PDB file of all heavy atoms in Angstrom:
ATOM      1  N   VAL A   1     167.947 137.331  22.871  1.00  0.00           N
ATOM      2  CA  VAL A   1     167.009 136.604  22.014  1.00  0.00           C
ATOM      3  C   VAL A   1     167.083 135.115  22.304  1.00  0.00           C
ATOM      4  O   VAL A   1     166.065 134.448  22.428  1.00  0.00           O
ATOM      5  CB  VAL A   1     167.311 136.881  20.521  1.00  0.00           C
ATOM      6  CG1 VAL A   1     166.534 135.941  19.624  1.00  0.00           C
ATOM      7  CG2 VAL A   1     166.994 138.319  20.177  1.00  0.00           C
ATOM      8  N   GLN A   2     168.292 134.572  22.450  1.00  0.00           N
ATOM      9  CA  GLN A   2     168.428 133.152  22.723  1.00  0.00           C
ATOM     10  C   GLN A   2     167.868 132.794  24.090  1.00  0.00           C
ATOM     11  O   GLN A   2     167.298 131.733  24.264  1.00  0.00           O
ATOM     12  CB  GLN A   2     169.894 132.740  22.634  1.00  0.00           C
ATOM     13  CG  GLN A   2     170.398 132.699  21.212  1.00  0.00           C
ATOM     14  CD  GLN A   2     171.869 132.335  21.134  1.00  0.00           C
ATOM     15  OE1 GLN A   2     172.572 132.343  22.137  1.00  0.00           O
ATOM     16  NE2 GLN A   2     172.327 132.039  19.945  1.00  0.00           N
ATOM     17  N   ALA A   3     168.007 133.680  25.053  1.00  0.00           N
ATOM     18  CA  ALA A   3     167.482 133.399  26.385  1.00  0.00           C
ATOM     19  C   ALA A   3     165.964 133.324  26.364  1.00  0.00           C
ATOM     20  O   ALA A   3     165.367 132.530  27.072  1.00  0.00           O
ATOM     21  CB  ALA A   3     167.949 134.468  27.370  1.00  0.00           C
ATOM     22  N   VAL A   4     165.333 134.104  25.532  1.00  0.00           N
ATOM     23  CA  VAL A   4     163.879 134.111  25.452  1.00  0.00           C
ATOM     24  C   VAL A   4     163.361 132.930  24.639  1.00  0.00           C
ATOM     25  O   VAL A   4     162.340 132.358  24.947  1.00  0.00           O
ATOM     26  CB  VAL A   4     163.392 135.445  24.823  1.00  0.00           C
ATOM     27  CG1 VAL A   4     161.912 135.403  24.538  1.00  0.00           C
ATOM     28  CG2 VAL A   4     163.728 136.601  25.737  1.00  0.00           C
ATOM     29  N   ARG A   5     164.089 132.522  23.620  1.00  0.00           N
ATOM     30  CA  ARG A   5     163.606 131.504  22.686  1.00  0.00           C
ATOM     31  C   ARG A   5     163.965 130.076  23.073  1.00  0.00           C
ATOM     32  O   ARG A   5     163.889 129.198  22.245  1.00  0.00           O
ATOM     33  CB  ARG A   5     164.187 131.780  21.298  1.00  0.00           C
ATOM     34  CG  ARG A   5     163.637 133.009  20.667  1.00  0.00           C
ATOM     35  CD  ARG A   5     164.139 133.128  19.272  1.00  0.00           C
ATOM     36  NE  ARG A   5     163.692 134.364  18.668  1.00  0.00           N
ATOM     37  CZ  ARG A   5     164.042 134.771  17.482  1.00  0.00           C
ATOM     38  NH1 ARG A   5     164.857 134.041  16.750  1.00  0.00           N
ATOM     39  NH2 ARG A   5     163.598 135.906  17.001  1.00  0.00           N
ATOM     40  N   ARG A   6     164.326 129.833  24.280  1.00  0.00           N
ATOM     41  CA  ARG A   6     164.720 128.485  24.663  1.00  0.00           C
ATOM     42  C   ARG A   6     163.667 127.806  25.521  1.00  0.00           C
ATOM     43  O   ARG A   6     163.856 127.622  26.714  1.00  0.00           O
ATOM     44  CB  ARG A   6     166.023 128.516  25.445  1.00  0.00           C
ATOM     45  CG  ARG A   6     167.226 128.732  24.624  1.00  0.00           C
ATOM     46  CD  ARG A   6     168.418 128.511  25.501  1.00  0.00           C
ATOM     47  NE  ARG A   6     169.632 128.733  24.781  1.00  0.00           N
ATOM     48  CZ  ARG A   6     170.814 128.730  25.324  1.00  0.00           C
ATOM     49  NH1 ARG A   6     170.928 128.526  26.611  1.00  0.00           N
ATOM     50  NH2 ARG A   6     171.881 128.934  24.608  1.00  0.00           N
ATOM     51  N   PRO A   7     162.571 127.419  24.952  1.00  0.00           N
ATOM     52  CA  PRO A   7     161.602 126.690  25.772  1.00  0.00           C
ATOM     53  C   PRO A   7     162.100 125.259  25.991  1.00  0.00           C
ATOM     54  O   PRO A   7     162.467 124.578  25.043  1.00  0.00           O
ATOM     55  CB  PRO A   7     160.332 126.716  24.917  1.00  0.00           C
ATOM     56  CG  PRO A   7     160.828 126.806  23.521  1.00  0.00           C
ATOM     57  CD  PRO A   7     162.123 127.588  23.586  1.00  0.00           C
ATOM     58  N   TYR A   8     162.175 124.869  27.215  1.00  0.00           N
ATOM     59  CA  TYR A   8     162.647 123.526  27.520  1.00  0.00           C
ATOM     60  C   TYR A   8     161.464 122.595  27.675  1.00  0.00           C
ATOM     61  O   TYR A   8     160.539 122.866  28.416  1.00  0.00           O
ATOM     62  CB  TYR A   8     163.469 123.511  28.808  1.00  0.00           C
ATOM     63  CG  TYR A   8     164.796 124.194  28.675  1.00  0.00           C
ATOM     64  CD1 TYR A   8     165.085 125.332  29.397  1.00  0.00           C
ATOM     65  CD2 TYR A   8     165.755 123.694  27.821  1.00  0.00           C
ATOM     66  CE1 TYR A   8     166.319 125.948  29.284  1.00  0.00           C
ATOM     67  CE2 TYR A   8     166.995 124.312  27.698  1.00  0.00           C
ATOM     68  CZ  TYR A   8     167.266 125.424  28.438  1.00  0.00           C
ATOM     69  OH  TYR A   8     168.476 126.027  28.323  1.00  0.00           O
ATOM     70  N   GLY A   9     161.534 121.509  26.978  1.00  0.00           N
ATOM     71  CA  GLY A   9     160.527 120.474  27.127  1.00  0.00           C
ATOM     72  C   GLY A   9     160.984 119.489  28.188  1.00  0.00           C
ATOM     73  O   GLY A   9     162.007 119.688  28.845  1.00  0.00           O
ATOM     74  N   PRO A  10     160.239 118.436  28.344  1.00  0.00           N
ATOM     75  CA  PRO A  10     160.636 117.438  29.338  1.00  0.00           C
ATOM     76  C   PRO A  10     161.955 116.784  28.937  1.00  0.00           C
ATOM     77  O   PRO A  10     162.231 116.561  27.760  1.00  0.00           O
ATOM     78  CB  PRO A  10     159.491 116.434  29.314  1.00  0.00           C
ATOM     79  CG  PRO A  10     158.785 116.667  28.034  1.00  0.00           C
ATOM     80  CD  PRO A  10     159.029 118.084  27.643  1.00  0.00           C
ATOM     81  N   GLU A  11     162.763 116.518  29.913  1.00  0.00           N
ATOM     82  CA  GLU A  11     164.049 115.869  29.641  1.00  0.00           C
ATOM     83  C   GLU A  11     163.826 114.377  29.427  1.00  0.00           C
ATOM     84  O   GLU A  11     163.017 113.757  30.099  1.00  0.00           O
ATOM     85  CB  GLU A  11     165.001 116.081  30.806  1.00  0.00           C
ATOM     86  CG  GLU A  11     165.456 117.504  30.929  1.00  0.00           C
ATOM     87  CD  GLU A  11     166.441 117.665  32.057  1.00  0.00           C
ATOM     88  OE1 GLU A  11     165.991 117.660  33.212  1.00  0.00           O
ATOM     89  OE2 GLU A  11     167.627 117.782  31.770  1.00  0.00           O
ATOM     90  N   ARG A  12     164.589 113.853  28.488  1.00  0.00           N
ATOM     91  CA  ARG A  12     164.529 112.419  28.219  1.00  0.00           C
ATOM     92  C   ARG A  12     165.943 111.870  28.240  1.00  0.00           C
ATOM     93  O   ARG A  12     166.835 112.434  27.616  1.00  0.00           O
ATOM     94  CB  ARG A  12     163.898 112.171  26.856  1.00  0.00           C
ATOM     95  CG  ARG A  12     162.442 112.545  26.823  1.00  0.00           C
ATOM     96  CD  ARG A  12     161.793 112.114  25.512  1.00  0.00           C
ATOM     97  NE  ARG A  12     160.383 112.458  25.528  1.00  0.00           N
ATOM     98  CZ  ARG A  12     159.883 113.599  25.103  1.00  0.00           C
ATOM     99  NH1 ARG A  12     160.685 114.517  24.623  1.00  0.00           N
ATOM    100  NH2 ARG A  12     158.600 113.836  25.141  1.00  0.00           N
ATOM    101  N   LEU A  13     166.115 110.800  28.964  1.00  0.00           N
ATOM    102  CA  LEU A  13     167.413 110.151  28.998  1.00  0.00           C
ATOM    103  C   LEU A  13     167.552 109.220  27.801  1.00  0.00           C
ATOM    104  O   LEU A  13     166.591 108.560  27.397  1.00  0.00           O
ATOM    105  CB  LEU A  13     167.571 109.336  30.278  1.00  0.00           C
ATOM    106  CG  LEU A  13     167.649 110.131  31.567  1.00  0.00           C
ATOM    107  CD1 LEU A  13     167.701 109.190  32.753  1.00  0.00           C
ATOM    108  CD2 LEU A  13     168.847 111.043  31.568  1.00  0.00           C
ATOM    109  N   ARG A  14     168.747 109.192  27.253  1.00  0.00           N
ATOM    110  CA  ARG A  14     169.008 108.251  26.167  1.00  0.00           C
ATOM    111  C   ARG A  14     168.929 106.842  26.725  1.00  0.00           C
ATOM    112  O   ARG A  14     169.303 106.597  27.886  1.00  0.00           O
ATOM    113  CB  ARG A  14     170.389 108.501  25.572  1.00  0.00           C
ATOM    114  CG  ARG A  14     170.398 109.747  24.704  1.00  0.00           C
ATOM    115  CD  ARG A  14     171.759 109.938  24.110  1.00  0.00           C
ATOM    116  NE  ARG A  14     172.470 110.806  25.051  1.00  0.00           N
ATOM    117  CZ  ARG A  14     173.767 110.842  25.216  1.00  0.00           C
ATOM    118  NH1 ARG A  14     174.549 110.082  24.513  1.00  0.00           N
ATOM    119  NH2 ARG A  14     174.310 111.654  26.088  1.00  0.00           N
ATOM    120  N   PRO A  15     168.446 105.908  25.924  1.00  0.00           N
ATOM    121  CA  PRO A  15     168.365 104.514  26.397  1.00  0.00           C
ATOM    122  C   PRO A  15     169.706 103.979  26.897  1.00  0.00           C
ATOM    123  O   PRO A  15     169.749 103.187  27.836  1.00  0.00           O
ATOM    124  CB  PRO A  15     167.893 103.749  25.160  1.00  0.00           C
ATOM    125  CG  PRO A  15     167.158 104.766  24.341  1.00  0.00           C
ATOM    126  CD  PRO A  15     167.875 106.070  24.588  1.00  0.00           C
ATOM    127  N   SER A  16     170.804 104.424  26.303  1.00  0.00           N
ATOM    128  CA  SER A  16     172.120 103.947  26.744  1.00  0.00           C
ATOM    129  C   SER A  16     172.428 104.408  28.168  1.00  0.00           C
ATOM    130  O   SER A  16     173.056 103.682  28.945  1.00  0.00           O
ATOM    131  CB  SER A  16     173.209 104.425  25.776  1.00  0.00           C
ATOM    132  OG  SER A  16     173.218 105.843  25.711  1.00  0.00           O
ATOM    133  N   VAL A  17     171.971 105.606  28.535  1.00  0.00           N
ATOM    134  CA  VAL A  17     172.199 106.108  29.896  1.00  0.00           C
ATOM    135  C   VAL A  17     171.347 105.328  30.890  1.00  0.00           C
ATOM    136  O   VAL A  17     171.810 104.944  31.965  1.00  0.00           O
ATOM    137  CB  VAL A  17     171.905 107.627  29.985  1.00  0.00           C
ATOM    138  CG1 VAL A  17     172.005 108.121  31.414  1.00  0.00           C
ATOM    139  CG2 VAL A  17     172.842 108.395  29.072  1.00  0.00           C
ATOM    140  N   VAL A  18     170.104 105.064  30.525  1.00  0.00           N
ATOM    141  CA  VAL A  18     169.225 104.263  31.390  1.00  0.00           C
ATOM    142  C   VAL A  18     169.815 102.874  31.587  1.00  0.00           C
ATOM    143  O   VAL A  18     169.859 102.351  32.706  1.00  0.00           O
ATOM    144  CB  VAL A  18     167.804 104.186  30.793  1.00  0.00           C
ATOM    145  CG1 VAL A  18     166.935 103.238  31.602  1.00  0.00           C
ATOM    146  CG2 VAL A  18     167.176 105.573  30.739  1.00  0.00           C
ATOM    147  N   ALA A  19     170.315 102.276  30.504  1.00  0.00           N
ATOM    148  CA  ALA A  19     170.921 100.944  30.596  1.00  0.00           C
ATOM    149  C   ALA A  19     172.153 100.970  31.494  1.00  0.00           C
ATOM    150  O   ALA A  19     172.389 100.033  32.265  1.00  0.00           O
ATOM    151  CB  ALA A  19     171.288 100.437  29.207  1.00  0.00           C
ATOM    152  N   LEU A  20     172.935 102.040  31.420  1.00  0.00           N
ATOM    153  CA  LEU A  20     174.118 102.168  32.263  1.00  0.00           C
ATOM    154  C   LEU A  20     173.734 102.208  33.736  1.00  0.00           C
ATOM    155  O   LEU A  20     174.317 101.510  34.570  1.00  0.00           O
ATOM    156  CB  LEU A  20     174.891 103.429  31.888  1.00  0.00           C
ATOM    157  CG  LEU A  20     176.141 103.724  32.702  1.00  0.00           C
ATOM    158  CD1 LEU A  20     177.207 102.673  32.433  1.00  0.00           C
ATOM    159  CD2 LEU A  20     176.666 105.105  32.373  1.00  0.00           C
ATOM    160  N   VAL A  21     172.730 102.991  34.070  1.00  0.00           N
ATOM    161  CA  VAL A  21     172.283 103.087  35.467  1.00  0.00           C
ATOM    162  C   VAL A  21     171.707 101.754  35.930  1.00  0.00           C
ATOM    163  O   VAL A  21     171.997 101.294  37.038  1.00  0.00           O
ATOM    164  CB  VAL A  21     171.249 104.229  35.629  1.00  0.00           C
ATOM    165  CG1 VAL A  21     170.620 104.196  37.013  1.00  0.00           C
ATOM    166  CG2 VAL A  21     171.909 105.573  35.370  1.00  0.00           C
ATOM    167  N   GLU A  22     170.916 101.124  35.094  1.00  0.00           N
ATOM    168  CA  GLU A  22     170.341  99.837  35.469  1.00  0.00           C
ATOM    169  C   GLU A  22     171.409  98.757  35.604  1.00  0.00           C
ATOM    170  O   GLU A  22     171.255  97.804  36.365  1.00  0.00           O
ATOM    171  CB  GLU A  22     169.293  99.415  34.445  1.00  0.00           C
ATOM    172  CG  GLU A  22     168.045 100.270  34.504  1.00  0.00           C
ATOM    173  CD  GLU A  22     167.072  99.971  33.382  1.00  0.00           C
ATOM    174  OE1 GLU A  22     167.431  99.232  32.438  1.00  0.00           O
ATOM    175  OE2 GLU A  22     165.936 100.489  33.449  1.00  0.00           O
ATOM    176  N   GLY A  23     172.508  98.908  34.879  1.00  0.00           N
ATOM    177  CA  GLY A  23     173.573  97.920  34.913  1.00  0.00           C
ATOM    178  C   GLY A  23     174.432  97.970  36.162  1.00  0.00           C
ATOM    179  O   GLY A  23     175.189  97.043  36.435  1.00  0.00           O
ATOM    180  N   VAL A  24     174.349  99.019  36.926  1.00  0.00           N
ATOM    181  CA  VAL A  24     175.130  99.139  38.165  1.00  0.00           C
ATOM    182  C   VAL A  24     174.195  99.164  39.369  1.00  0.00           C
ATOM    183  O   VAL A  24     174.348  99.968  40.276  1.00  0.00           O
ATOM    184  CB  VAL A  24     176.051 100.387  38.139  1.00  0.00           C
ATOM    185  CG1 VAL A  24     177.124 100.248  37.101  1.00  0.00           C
ATOM    186  CG2 VAL A  24     175.255 101.664  37.936  1.00  0.00           C
ATOM    187  N   ALA A  25     173.258  98.253  39.388  1.00  0.00           N
ATOM    188  CA  ALA A  25     172.228  98.243  40.427  1.00  0.00           C
ATOM    189  C   ALA A  25     172.812  98.077  41.828  1.00  0.00           C
ATOM    190  O   ALA A  25     172.221  98.534  42.806  1.00  0.00           O
ATOM    191  CB  ALA A  25     171.220  97.131  40.149  1.00  0.00           C
ATOM    192  N   ASP A  26     173.978  97.436  41.951  1.00  0.00           N
ATOM    193  CA  ASP A  26     174.569  97.244  43.274  1.00  0.00           C
ATOM    194  C   ASP A  26     175.390  98.453  43.729  1.00  0.00           C
ATOM    195  O   ASP A  26     175.929  98.470  44.824  1.00  0.00           O
ATOM    196  CB  ASP A  26     175.433  95.987  43.288  1.00  0.00           C
ATOM    197  CG  ASP A  26     176.550  96.045  42.258  1.00  0.00           C
ATOM    198  OD1 ASP A  26     176.365  96.716  41.220  1.00  0.00           O
ATOM    199  OD2 ASP A  26     177.593  95.415  42.490  1.00  0.00           O
ATOM    200  N   GLN A  27     175.486  99.485  42.891  1.00  0.00           N
ATOM    201  CA  GLN A  27     176.218 100.708  43.207  1.00  0.00           C
ATOM    202  C   GLN A  27     175.245 101.879  43.342  1.00  0.00           C
ATOM    203  O   GLN A  27     174.108 101.794  42.922  1.00  0.00           O
ATOM    204  CB  GLN A  27     177.226 101.029  42.096  1.00  0.00           C
ATOM    205  CG  GLN A  27     178.243  99.945  41.851  1.00  0.00           C
ATOM    206  CD  GLN A  27     179.183  99.773  43.026  1.00  0.00           C
ATOM    207  OE1 GLN A  27     179.607 100.749  43.624  1.00  0.00           O
ATOM    208  NE2 GLN A  27     179.496  98.537  43.364  1.00  0.00           N
ATOM    209  N   VAL A  28     175.725 102.959  43.906  1.00  0.00           N
ATOM    210  CA  VAL A  28     174.920 104.174  43.996  1.00  0.00           C
ATOM    211  C   VAL A  28     175.155 104.983  42.721  1.00  0.00           C
ATOM    212  O   VAL A  28     176.281 105.342  42.402  1.00  0.00           O
ATOM    213  CB  VAL A  28     175.301 105.017  45.233  1.00  0.00           C
ATOM    214  CG1 VAL A  28     174.544 106.338  45.230  1.00  0.00           C
ATOM    215  CG2 VAL A  28     175.026 104.236  46.500  1.00  0.00           C
ATOM    216  N   ALA A  29     174.085 105.232  41.984  1.00  0.00           N
ATOM    217  CA  ALA A  29     174.173 106.040  40.762  1.00  0.00           C
ATOM    218  C   ALA A  29     172.943 106.928  40.679  1.00  0.00           C
ATOM    219  O   ALA A  29     171.815 106.467  40.838  1.00  0.00           O
ATOM    220  CB  ALA A  29     174.255 105.146  39.534  1.00  0.00           C
ATOM    221  N   ILE A  30     173.178 108.216  40.452  1.00  0.00           N
ATOM    222  CA  ILE A  30     172.097 109.180  40.336  1.00  0.00           C
ATOM    223  C   ILE A  30     172.357 110.035  39.104  1.00  0.00           C
ATOM    224  O   ILE A  30     173.457 110.540  38.921  1.00  0.00           O
ATOM    225  CB  ILE A  30     172.004 110.089  41.577  1.00  0.00           C
ATOM    226  CG1 ILE A  30     171.771 109.264  42.836  1.00  0.00           C
ATOM    227  CG2 ILE A  30     170.893 111.125  41.414  1.00  0.00           C
ATOM    228  CD1 ILE A  30     171.859 110.068  44.114  1.00  0.00           C
ATOM    229  N   ILE A  31     171.342 110.211  38.272  1.00  0.00           N
ATOM    230  CA  ILE A  31     171.425 111.097  37.119  1.00  0.00           C
ATOM    231  C   ILE A  31     170.549 112.302  37.427  1.00  0.00           C
ATOM    232  O   ILE A  31     169.355 112.159  37.678  1.00  0.00           O
ATOM    233  CB  ILE A  31     170.920 110.415  35.822  1.00  0.00           C
ATOM    234  CG1 ILE A  31     171.650 109.096  35.577  1.00  0.00           C
ATOM    235  CG2 ILE A  31     171.043 111.364  34.649  1.00  0.00           C
ATOM    236  CD1 ILE A  31     173.116 109.239  35.295  1.00  0.00           C
ATOM    237  N   LEU A  32     171.155 113.493  37.436  1.00  0.00           N
ATOM    238  CA  LEU A  32     170.416 114.721  37.720  1.00  0.00           C
ATOM    239  C   LEU A  32     170.088 115.445  36.427  1.00  0.00           C
ATOM    240  O   LEU A  32     170.896 115.484  35.503  1.00  0.00           O
ATOM    241  CB  LEU A  32     171.231 115.638  38.633  1.00  0.00           C
ATOM    242  CG  LEU A  32     171.568 115.089  40.014  1.00  0.00           C
ATOM    243  CD1 LEU A  32     172.436 116.071  40.767  1.00  0.00           C
ATOM    244  CD2 LEU A  32     170.315 114.762  40.788  1.00  0.00           C
ATOM    245  N   GLY A  33     168.915 116.068  36.404  1.00  0.00           N
ATOM    246  CA  GLY A  33     168.494 116.854  35.258  1.00  0.00           C
ATOM    247  C   GLY A  33     169.029 118.268  35.327  1.00  0.00           C
ATOM    248  O   GLY A  33     169.774 118.635  36.238  1.00  0.00           O
ATOM    249  N   ARG A  34     168.644 119.077  34.360  1.00  0.00           N
ATOM    250  CA  ARG A  34     169.168 120.449  34.275  1.00  0.00           C
ATOM    251  C   ARG A  34     168.761 121.302  35.461  1.00  0.00           C
ATOM    252  O   ARG A  34     169.398 122.296  35.771  1.00  0.00           O
ATOM    253  CB  ARG A  34     168.736 121.108  32.970  1.00  0.00           C
ATOM    254  CG  ARG A  34     167.302 121.553  32.906  1.00  0.00           C
ATOM    255  CD  ARG A  34     166.996 122.338  31.638  1.00  0.00           C
ATOM    256  NE  ARG A  34     167.033 121.535  30.451  1.00  0.00           N
ATOM    257  CZ  ARG A  34     166.009 120.862  29.955  1.00  0.00           C
ATOM    258  NH1 ARG A  34     164.855 120.905  30.567  1.00  0.00           N
ATOM    259  NH2 ARG A  34     166.129 120.141  28.873  1.00  0.00           N
ATOM    260  N   TYR A  35     167.686 120.940  36.143  1.00  0.00           N
ATOM    261  CA  TYR A  35     167.247 121.684  37.325  1.00  0.00           C
ATOM    262  C   TYR A  35     167.568 120.924  38.607  1.00  0.00           C
ATOM    263  O   TYR A  35     166.970 121.149  39.636  1.00  0.00           O
ATOM    264  CB  TYR A  35     165.749 121.978  37.240  1.00  0.00           C
ATOM    265  CG  TYR A  35     165.408 122.822  36.040  1.00  0.00           C
ATOM    266  CD1 TYR A  35     164.660 122.303  34.993  1.00  0.00           C
ATOM    267  CD2 TYR A  35     165.859 124.125  35.928  1.00  0.00           C
ATOM    268  CE1 TYR A  35     164.357 123.077  33.877  1.00  0.00           C
ATOM    269  CE2 TYR A  35     165.569 124.898  34.819  1.00  0.00           C
ATOM    270  CZ  TYR A  35     164.819 124.371  33.799  1.00  0.00           C
ATOM    271  OH  TYR A  35     164.534 125.133  32.699  1.00  0.00           O
ATOM    272  N   PHE A  36     168.540 120.026  38.506  1.00  0.00           N
ATOM    273  CA  PHE A  36     169.001 119.211  39.620  1.00  0.00           C
ATOM    274  C   PHE A  36     167.906 118.331  40.203  1.00  0.00           C
ATOM    275  O   PHE A  36     167.933 117.972  41.372  1.00  0.00           O
ATOM    276  CB  PHE A  36     169.662 120.071  40.713  1.00  0.00           C
ATOM    277  CG  PHE A  36     170.882 120.773  40.219  1.00  0.00           C
ATOM    278  CD1 PHE A  36     170.828 122.116  39.889  1.00  0.00           C
ATOM    279  CD2 PHE A  36     172.065 120.096  40.050  1.00  0.00           C
ATOM    280  CE1 PHE A  36     171.948 122.770  39.393  1.00  0.00           C
ATOM    281  CE2 PHE A  36     173.183 120.733  39.554  1.00  0.00           C
ATOM    282  CZ  PHE A  36     173.134 122.072  39.228  1.00  0.00           C
ATOM    283  N   ASP A  37     166.937 117.995  39.363  1.00  0.00           N
ATOM    284  CA  ASP A  37     165.948 117.012  39.765  1.00  0.00           C
ATOM    285  C   ASP A  37     166.476 115.632  39.377  1.00  0.00           C
ATOM    286  O   ASP A  37     167.284 115.493  38.479  1.00  0.00           O
ATOM    287  CB  ASP A  37     164.591 117.284  39.117  1.00  0.00           C
ATOM    288  CG  ASP A  37     164.688 117.363  37.605  1.00  0.00           C
ATOM    289  OD1 ASP A  37     165.734 117.816  37.112  1.00  0.00           O
ATOM    290  OD2 ASP A  37     163.737 116.990  36.922  1.00  0.00           O
ATOM    291  N   ARG A  38     166.039 114.624  40.070  1.00  0.00           N
ATOM    292  CA  ARG A  38     166.540 113.280  39.811  1.00  0.00           C
ATOM    293  C   ARG A  38     165.829 112.697  38.598  1.00  0.00           C
ATOM    294  O   ARG A  38     164.619 112.515  38.602  1.00  0.00           O
ATOM    295  CB  ARG A  38     166.326 112.400  41.038  1.00  0.00           C
ATOM    296  CG  ARG A  38     166.989 111.050  40.916  1.00  0.00           C
ATOM    297  CD  ARG A  38     167.000 110.288  42.205  1.00  0.00           C
ATOM    298  NE  ARG A  38     165.654 110.179  42.744  1.00  0.00           N
ATOM    299  CZ  ARG A  38     165.396 109.935  44.002  1.00  0.00           C
ATOM    300  NH1 ARG A  38     166.361 109.800  44.862  1.00  0.00           N
ATOM    301  NH2 ARG A  38     164.154 109.849  44.426  1.00  0.00           N
ATOM    302  N   SER A  39     166.598 112.395  37.555  1.00  0.00           N
ATOM    303  CA  SER A  39     166.040 111.823  36.338  1.00  0.00           C
ATOM    304  C   SER A  39     166.073 110.304  36.376  1.00  0.00           C
ATOM    305  O   SER A  39     165.221 109.651  35.793  1.00  0.00           O
ATOM    306  CB  SER A  39     166.820 112.309  35.108  1.00  0.00           C
ATOM    307  OG  SER A  39     166.686 113.703  34.973  1.00  0.00           O
ATOM    308  N   ALA A  40     167.069 109.749  37.031  1.00  0.00           N
ATOM    309  CA  ALA A  40     167.191 108.301  37.156  1.00  0.00           C
ATOM    310  C   ALA A  40     168.078 108.000  38.353  1.00  0.00           C
ATOM    311  O   ALA A  40     168.913 108.809  38.745  1.00  0.00           O
ATOM    312  CB  ALA A  40     167.797 107.695  35.892  1.00  0.00           C
ATOM    313  N   ALA A  41     167.870 106.835  38.933  1.00  0.00           N
ATOM    314  CA  ALA A  41     168.696 106.427  40.069  1.00  0.00           C
ATOM    315  C   ALA A  41     168.587 104.933  40.251  1.00  0.00           C
ATOM    316  O   ALA A  41     167.594 104.314  39.875  1.00  0.00           O
ATOM    317  CB  ALA A  41     168.252 107.137  41.346  1.00  0.00           C
ATOM    318  N   THR A  42     169.620 104.355  40.837  1.00  0.00           N
ATOM    319  CA  THR A  42     169.568 102.939  41.185  1.00  0.00           C
ATOM    320  C   THR A  42     168.789 102.793  42.485  1.00  0.00           C
ATOM    321  O   THR A  42     168.574 103.768  43.212  1.00  0.00           O
ATOM    322  CB  THR A  42     170.988 102.371  41.374  1.00  0.00           C
ATOM    323  OG1 THR A  42     171.633 103.105  42.407  1.00  0.00           O
ATOM    324  CG2 THR A  42     171.793 102.436  40.098  1.00  0.00           C
ATOM    325  N   GLY A  43     168.402 101.581  42.785  1.00  0.00           N
ATOM    326  CA  GLY A  43     167.668 101.332  44.028  1.00  0.00           C
ATOM    327  C   GLY A  43     168.463 101.729  45.258  1.00  0.00           C
ATOM    328  O   GLY A  43     167.930 102.302  46.202  1.00  0.00           O
ATOM    329  N   SER A  44     169.769 101.440  45.246  1.00  0.00           N
ATOM    330  CA  SER A  44     170.582 101.796  46.408  1.00  0.00           C
ATOM    331  C   SER A  44     170.723 103.302  46.551  1.00  0.00           C
ATOM    332  O   SER A  44     170.789 103.829  47.661  1.00  0.00           O
ATOM    333  CB  SER A  44     171.960 101.129  46.312  1.00  0.00           C
ATOM    334  OG  SER A  44     172.581 101.434  45.094  1.00  0.00           O
ATOM    335  N   ALA A  45     170.717 104.014  45.450  1.00  0.00           N
ATOM    336  CA  ALA A  45     170.768 105.493  45.517  1.00  0.00           C
ATOM    337  C   ALA A  45     169.473 106.041  46.084  1.00  0.00           C
ATOM    338  O   ALA A  45     169.487 106.999  46.840  1.00  0.00           O
ATOM    339  CB  ALA A  45     171.044 106.075  44.135  1.00  0.00           C
TER     340      ALA A  45
END
């Protein structure tokens, strides 16, 4: 029942996570979603 009733909507990153990624712009940082799609990344990443 739980497997059927779990419709996933679009993923949203918390503002704190976005700020963290933006704060390390000189480093490689990638945030992956539940389907291993890229949700956020720094320019160097």
